[in-house]
Amino acid sequence: MEKRTLLIPVENLHSQHNFILLGTSDQVNIIAFKTKHKENFVPMLRDNLNDLRQLAETESIRQKISFVEETLKDANTHKWQKSPEQRLLDAAMNQARQAGMYMTYPLTRENTIYTVRTA
């Protein structure tokens, strides 16, 4: 079974957090980050992980930590990174629009990170 994730920049993200799971399209989890540059994804995840580790340990916090650690691992491991098809980028843009978020730039292979890992 494959685990597929697309990390996208959404500068005007409507969330109190730096990133959110926008949803799933074509069995791909789409995670939107409050930034315009993909280079910020990993530092944002690391900051979030540090913040989570400061909180009281609950099942919910453990799940969030696990999710962030897994996403960080995938984003940092180039062997899992692939080039997303245009239809996936279009679907992600549509997910963002449906959530009321509009970007002044298109989603491209250059400003996203797409990971495919065999679970």
N, C-alpha and C. Protein backbone atom coordinates (compact mmCIF):
# COMPACT_ATOMS: atom_id res chain seq x y z
N MET A 1 0.84 -1.19 0.00
CA MET A 1 0.00 0.00 0.00
C MET A 1 0.89 1.25 0.00
N GLU A 2 0.51 2.22 -0.80
CA GLU A 2 1.29 3.45 -0.89
C GLU A 2 0.68 4.54 -0.02
N LYS A 3 1.57 5.34 0.55
CA LYS A 3 1.16 6.55 1.27
C LYS A 3 1.65 7.72 0.41
N ARG A 4 0.71 8.51 -0.08
CA ARG A 4 1.06 9.63 -0.96
C ARG A 4 0.63 10.94 -0.30
N THR A 5 1.54 11.91 -0.33
CA THR A 5 1.30 13.20 0.29
C THR A 5 1.79 14.31 -0.62
N LEU A 6 1.00 15.35 -0.75
CA LEU A 6 1.38 16.53 -1.52
C LEU A 6 1.39 17.73 -0.57
N LEU A 7 2.54 18.36 -0.45
CA LEU A 7 2.70 19.55 0.39
C LEU A 7 2.63 20.76 -0.54
N ILE A 8 1.72 21.70 -0.22
CA ILE A 8 1.53 22.86 -1.09
C ILE A 8 1.63 24.16 -0.31
N PRO A 9 2.07 25.25 -0.97
CA PRO A 9 2.12 26.55 -0.33
C PRO A 9 0.79 27.30 -0.53
N VAL A 10 0.22 27.79 0.55
CA VAL A 10 -0.99 28.61 0.47
C VAL A 10 -0.76 29.81 1.38
N GLU A 11 -0.27 30.88 0.79
CA GLU A 11 0.15 32.05 1.55
C GLU A 11 -0.95 32.61 2.45
N ASN A 12 -2.19 32.58 2.00
CA ASN A 12 -3.29 33.13 2.80
C ASN A 12 -4.10 32.02 3.47
N LEU A 13 -3.41 31.03 4.00
CA LEU A 13 -4.05 29.89 4.65
C LEU A 13 -4.96 30.37 5.78
N HIS A 14 -6.21 29.90 5.76
CA HIS A 14 -7.18 30.27 6.79
C HIS A 14 -7.11 29.26 7.92
N SER A 15 -6.15 29.44 8.80
CA SER A 15 -5.96 28.53 9.92
C SER A 15 -5.15 29.23 10.99
N GLN A 16 -5.36 28.83 12.22
CA GLN A 16 -4.55 29.38 13.30
C GLN A 16 -3.18 28.71 13.34
N HIS A 17 -3.03 27.62 12.59
CA HIS A 17 -1.78 26.87 12.55
C HIS A 17 -1.01 27.20 11.27
N ASN A 18 0.26 26.79 11.23
CA ASN A 18 1.10 27.05 10.05
C ASN A 18 0.80 26.11 8.90
N PHE A 19 0.10 25.01 9.18
CA PHE A 19 -0.27 24.08 8.12
C PHE A 19 -1.49 23.28 8.56
N ILE A 20 -2.23 22.81 7.56
CA ILE A 20 -3.42 21.99 7.82
C ILE A 20 -3.55 20.93 6.74
N LEU A 21 -4.24 19.86 7.09
CA LEU A 21 -4.60 18.86 6.10
C LEU A 21 -5.82 19.40 5.38
N LEU A 22 -5.67 19.70 4.09
CA LEU A 22 -6.78 20.25 3.31
C LEU A 22 -7.79 19.17 2.95
N GLY A 23 -7.31 17.95 2.83
CA GLY A 23 -8.18 16.85 2.45
C GLY A 23 -7.42 15.84 1.63
N THR A 24 -8.18 14.99 0.97
CA THR A 24 -7.59 13.93 0.16
C THR A 24 -8.19 13.99 -1.23
N SER A 25 -7.33 13.84 -2.23
CA SER A 25 -7.76 13.79 -3.62
C SER A 25 -6.99 12.68 -4.30
N ASP A 26 -7.67 11.79 -4.99
CA ASP A 26 -7.02 10.67 -5.66
C ASP A 26 -6.11 9.89 -4.71
N GLN A 27 -6.57 9.69 -3.49
CA GLN A 27 -5.83 8.97 -2.44
C GLN A 27 -4.51 9.63 -2.09
N VAL A 28 -4.44 10.95 -2.23
CA VAL A 28 -3.27 11.72 -1.86
C VAL A 28 -3.68 12.71 -0.77
N ASN A 29 -2.98 12.68 0.37
CA ASN A 29 -3.23 13.67 1.41
C ASN A 29 -2.62 14.99 0.96
N ILE A 30 -3.41 16.05 1.01
CA ILE A 30 -2.95 17.38 0.60
C ILE A 30 -2.80 18.23 1.85
N ILE A 31 -1.56 18.65 2.10
CA ILE A 31 -1.26 19.46 3.28
C ILE A 31 -0.86 20.85 2.79
N ALA A 32 -1.58 21.86 3.29
CA ALA A 32 -1.31 23.24 2.90
C ALA A 32 -0.52 23.94 4.00
N PHE A 33 0.48 24.70 3.59
CA PHE A 33 1.34 25.44 4.51
C PHE A 33 1.12 26.94 4.31
N LYS A 34 1.17 27.68 5.40
CA LYS A 34 0.98 29.13 5.36
C LYS A 34 2.29 29.80 4.95
N THR A 35 2.59 29.68 3.68
CA THR A 35 3.81 30.24 3.10
C THR A 35 3.67 30.25 1.59
N LYS A 36 4.56 30.96 0.94
CA LYS A 36 4.58 30.97 -0.52
C LYS A 36 5.73 30.12 -1.06
N HIS A 37 6.61 29.64 -0.16
CA HIS A 37 7.83 28.96 -0.59
C HIS A 37 7.95 27.58 0.06
N LYS A 38 8.20 26.58 -0.75
CA LYS A 38 8.31 25.21 -0.23
C LYS A 38 9.50 25.03 0.70
N GLU A 39 10.49 25.89 0.61
CA GLU A 39 11.65 25.81 1.50
C GLU A 39 11.25 26.03 2.96
N ASN A 40 10.07 26.59 3.19
CA ASN A 40 9.60 26.84 4.56
C ASN A 40 8.87 25.64 5.17
N PHE A 41 8.52 24.64 4.37
CA PHE A 41 7.73 23.51 4.87
C PHE A 41 8.43 22.81 6.04
N VAL A 42 9.67 22.40 5.84
CA VAL A 42 10.40 21.64 6.86
C VAL A 42 10.62 22.47 8.13
N PRO A 43 11.08 23.72 8.04
CA PRO A 43 11.22 24.50 9.27
C PRO A 43 9.90 24.68 10.02
N MET A 44 8.80 24.84 9.29
CA MET A 44 7.49 24.97 9.94
C MET A 44 7.12 23.68 10.65
N LEU A 45 7.38 22.55 10.02
CA LEU A 45 7.10 21.26 10.65
C LEU A 45 7.96 21.07 11.91
N ARG A 46 9.22 21.43 11.82
CA ARG A 46 10.11 21.30 12.98
C ARG A 46 9.64 22.18 14.14
N ASP A 47 9.25 23.42 13.84
CA ASP A 47 8.74 24.31 14.89
C ASP A 47 7.50 23.72 15.54
N ASN A 48 6.61 23.19 14.71
CA ASN A 48 5.39 22.59 15.22
C ASN A 48 5.71 21.38 16.09
N LEU A 49 6.66 20.57 15.67
CA LEU A 49 7.05 19.40 16.44
C LEU A 49 7.61 19.81 17.79
N ASN A 50 8.45 20.83 17.82
CA ASN A 50 8.99 21.33 19.10
C ASN A 50 7.88 21.82 20.01
N ASP A 51 6.92 22.52 19.45
CA ASP A 51 5.78 23.02 20.25
C ASP A 51 4.96 21.86 20.80
N LEU A 52 4.71 20.85 19.97
CA LEU A 52 3.92 19.70 20.41
C LEU A 52 4.61 18.95 21.54
N ARG A 53 5.92 18.86 21.48
CA ARG A 53 6.67 18.13 22.51
C ARG A 53 6.64 18.85 23.86
N GLN A 54 6.28 20.13 23.86
CA GLN A 54 6.18 20.89 25.11
C GLN A 54 4.83 20.69 25.80
N LEU A 55 3.86 20.14 25.09
CA LEU A 55 2.51 19.96 25.62
C LEU A 55 2.41 18.69 26.45
N ALA A 56 1.40 18.65 27.30
CA ALA A 56 1.13 17.45 28.08
C ALA A 56 0.83 16.30 27.12
N GLU A 57 1.40 15.14 27.42
CA GLU A 57 1.25 14.01 26.52
C GLU A 57 -0.14 13.38 26.66
N THR A 58 -0.87 13.43 25.56
CA THR A 58 -2.17 12.77 25.47
C THR A 58 -2.15 11.93 24.20
N GLU A 59 -3.15 11.13 24.00
CA GLU A 59 -3.22 10.32 22.78
C GLU A 59 -3.27 11.22 21.55
N SER A 60 -4.02 12.29 21.61
CA SER A 60 -4.13 13.23 20.50
C SER A 60 -2.77 13.86 20.18
N ILE A 61 -2.04 14.26 21.20
CA ILE A 61 -0.72 14.88 21.01
C ILE A 61 0.25 13.85 20.43
N ARG A 62 0.21 12.61 20.92
CA ARG A 62 1.08 11.55 20.38
C ARG A 62 0.79 11.33 18.89
N GLN A 63 -0.48 11.34 18.51
CA GLN A 63 -0.84 11.16 17.11
C GLN A 63 -0.33 12.31 16.26
N LYS A 64 -0.46 13.53 16.76
CA LYS A 64 0.02 14.70 16.02
C LYS A 64 1.54 14.65 15.87
N ILE A 65 2.23 14.29 16.94
CA ILE A 65 3.70 14.18 16.88
C ILE A 65 4.09 13.13 15.85
N SER A 66 3.43 12.01 15.87
CA SER A 66 3.72 10.94 14.91
C SER A 66 3.50 11.42 13.48
N PHE A 67 2.39 12.11 13.25
CA PHE A 67 2.07 12.64 11.93
C PHE A 67 3.15 13.61 11.46
N VAL A 68 3.55 14.54 12.33
CA VAL A 68 4.55 15.54 11.95
C VAL A 68 5.90 14.86 11.71
N GLU A 69 6.28 13.91 12.56
CA GLU A 69 7.55 13.20 12.37
C GLU A 69 7.57 12.45 11.05
N GLU A 70 6.47 11.79 10.73
CA GLU A 70 6.37 11.05 9.47
C GLU A 70 6.46 11.99 8.27
N THR A 71 5.75 13.10 8.35
CA THR A 71 5.75 14.07 7.25
C THR A 71 7.15 14.68 7.08
N LEU A 72 7.80 14.98 8.20
CA LEU A 72 9.18 15.50 8.15
C LEU A 72 10.12 14.49 7.50
N LYS A 73 9.99 13.25 7.89
CA LYS A 73 10.84 12.20 7.34
C LYS A 73 10.66 12.11 5.82
N ASP A 74 9.41 12.12 5.38
CA ASP A 74 9.14 12.04 3.95
C ASP A 74 9.66 13.27 3.20
N ALA A 75 9.47 14.44 3.79
CA ALA A 75 9.88 15.68 3.13
C ALA A 75 11.40 15.79 3.05
N ASN A 76 12.10 15.14 3.98
CA ASN A 76 13.57 15.19 4.01
C ASN A 76 14.23 14.05 3.26
N THR A 77 13.47 13.04 2.88
CA THR A 77 14.02 11.87 2.21
C THR A 77 13.74 11.96 0.72
N HIS A 78 14.75 12.35 -0.01
CA HIS A 78 14.55 12.59 -1.45
C HIS A 78 14.16 11.34 -2.21
N LYS A 79 14.48 10.16 -1.68
CA LYS A 79 14.13 8.96 -2.43
C LYS A 79 12.61 8.75 -2.49
N TRP A 80 11.86 9.37 -1.58
CA TRP A 80 10.40 9.26 -1.60
C TRP A 80 9.77 10.32 -2.49
N GLN A 81 10.53 11.34 -2.86
CA GLN A 81 9.95 12.46 -3.59
C GLN A 81 9.80 12.14 -5.08
N LYS A 82 8.63 12.49 -5.58
CA LYS A 82 8.29 12.25 -6.99
C LYS A 82 7.82 13.55 -7.61
N SER A 83 7.56 13.51 -8.89
CA SER A 83 7.03 14.67 -9.60
C SER A 83 5.52 14.50 -9.76
N PRO A 84 4.72 15.40 -9.19
CA PRO A 84 3.27 15.24 -9.28
C PRO A 84 2.75 15.52 -10.69
N GLU A 85 1.72 14.79 -11.06
CA GLU A 85 1.06 15.03 -12.34
C GLU A 85 0.28 16.33 -12.25
N GLN A 86 0.07 16.96 -13.40
CA GLN A 86 -0.65 18.23 -13.42
C GLN A 86 -2.06 18.09 -12.88
N ARG A 87 -2.72 16.96 -13.13
CA ARG A 87 -4.09 16.78 -12.64
C ARG A 87 -4.13 16.78 -11.11
N LEU A 88 -3.07 16.29 -10.46
CA LEU A 88 -3.00 16.31 -9.00
C LEU A 88 -2.80 17.74 -8.50
N LEU A 89 -1.96 18.49 -9.19
CA LEU A 89 -1.76 19.90 -8.82
C LEU A 89 -3.06 20.68 -8.99
N ASP A 90 -3.79 20.41 -10.07
CA ASP A 90 -5.08 21.06 -10.30
C ASP A 90 -6.09 20.68 -9.22
N ALA A 91 -6.09 19.41 -8.82
CA ALA A 91 -7.01 18.96 -7.76
C ALA A 91 -6.67 19.64 -6.43
N ALA A 92 -5.38 19.80 -6.15
CA ALA A 92 -4.97 20.47 -4.91
C ALA A 92 -5.38 21.94 -4.93
N MET A 93 -5.21 22.58 -6.07
CA MET A 93 -5.63 23.99 -6.21
C MET A 93 -7.13 24.10 -5.99
N ASN A 94 -7.88 23.15 -6.52
CA ASN A 94 -9.32 23.14 -6.35
C ASN A 94 -9.69 22.94 -4.87
N GLN A 95 -8.98 22.07 -4.17
CA GLN A 95 -9.22 21.85 -2.73
C GLN A 95 -9.01 23.15 -1.96
N ALA A 96 -7.95 23.87 -2.30
CA ALA A 96 -7.67 25.14 -1.63
C ALA A 96 -8.78 26.16 -1.91
N ARG A 97 -9.22 26.22 -3.14
CA ARG A 97 -10.30 27.15 -3.50
C ARG A 97 -11.60 26.81 -2.78
N GLN A 98 -11.91 25.51 -2.71
CA GLN A 98 -13.12 25.09 -2.01
C GLN A 98 -13.07 25.46 -0.53
N ALA A 99 -11.87 25.53 0.02
CA ALA A 99 -11.70 25.93 1.42
C ALA A 99 -11.66 27.45 1.57
N GLY A 100 -11.87 28.17 0.46
CA GLY A 100 -11.91 29.63 0.50
C GLY A 100 -10.55 30.29 0.44
N MET A 101 -9.54 29.56 -0.01
CA MET A 101 -8.18 30.09 -0.09
C MET A 101 -7.79 30.28 -1.55
N TYR A 102 -7.39 31.46 -1.88
CA TYR A 102 -7.01 31.75 -3.26
C TYR A 102 -5.56 32.19 -3.30
N MET A 103 -4.85 31.74 -4.33
CA MET A 103 -3.45 32.07 -4.48
C MET A 103 -3.25 32.89 -5.73
N THR A 104 -2.25 33.75 -5.70
CA THR A 104 -1.94 34.58 -6.86
C THR A 104 -0.89 33.91 -7.73
N TYR A 105 -0.60 32.65 -7.45
CA TYR A 105 0.40 31.90 -8.17
C TYR A 105 -0.13 30.48 -8.38
N PRO A 106 0.31 29.82 -9.44
CA PRO A 106 -0.16 28.45 -9.68
C PRO A 106 0.64 27.45 -8.84
N LEU A 107 0.06 26.29 -8.60
CA LEU A 107 0.81 25.20 -8.00
C LEU A 107 1.60 24.53 -9.11
N THR A 108 2.88 24.35 -8.88
CA THR A 108 3.75 23.74 -9.87
C THR A 108 4.59 22.64 -9.22
N ARG A 109 5.26 21.88 -10.04
CA ARG A 109 6.18 20.86 -9.52
C ARG A 109 7.31 21.51 -8.73
N GLU A 110 7.64 22.75 -9.06
CA GLU A 110 8.75 23.45 -8.43
C GLU A 110 8.40 24.03 -7.05
N ASN A 111 7.11 24.31 -6.79
CA ASN A 111 6.78 24.92 -5.50
C ASN A 111 5.99 23.97 -4.59
N THR A 112 6.04 22.67 -4.90
CA THR A 112 5.37 21.67 -4.07
C THR A 112 6.34 20.53 -3.76
N ILE A 113 5.99 19.73 -2.78
CA ILE A 113 6.72 18.50 -2.49
C ILE A 113 5.70 17.37 -2.54
N TYR A 114 5.98 16.36 -3.35
CA TYR A 114 5.10 15.21 -3.50
C TYR A 114 5.88 13.97 -3.11
N THR A 115 5.37 13.26 -2.12
CA THR A 115 6.06 12.05 -1.66
C THR A 115 5.16 10.83 -1.86
N VAL A 116 5.80 9.74 -2.26
CA VAL A 116 5.12 8.46 -2.43
C VAL A 116 5.97 7.43 -1.71
N ARG A 117 5.38 6.79 -0.70
CA ARG A 117 6.11 5.81 0.09
C ARG A 117 5.28 4.55 0.23
N THR A 118 5.93 3.42 0.10
CA THR A 118 5.25 2.15 0.32
C THR A 118 5.16 1.92 1.83
N ALA A 119 3.93 1.79 2.30
CA ALA A 119 3.73 1.64 3.75
C ALA A 119 3.88 0.20 4.18
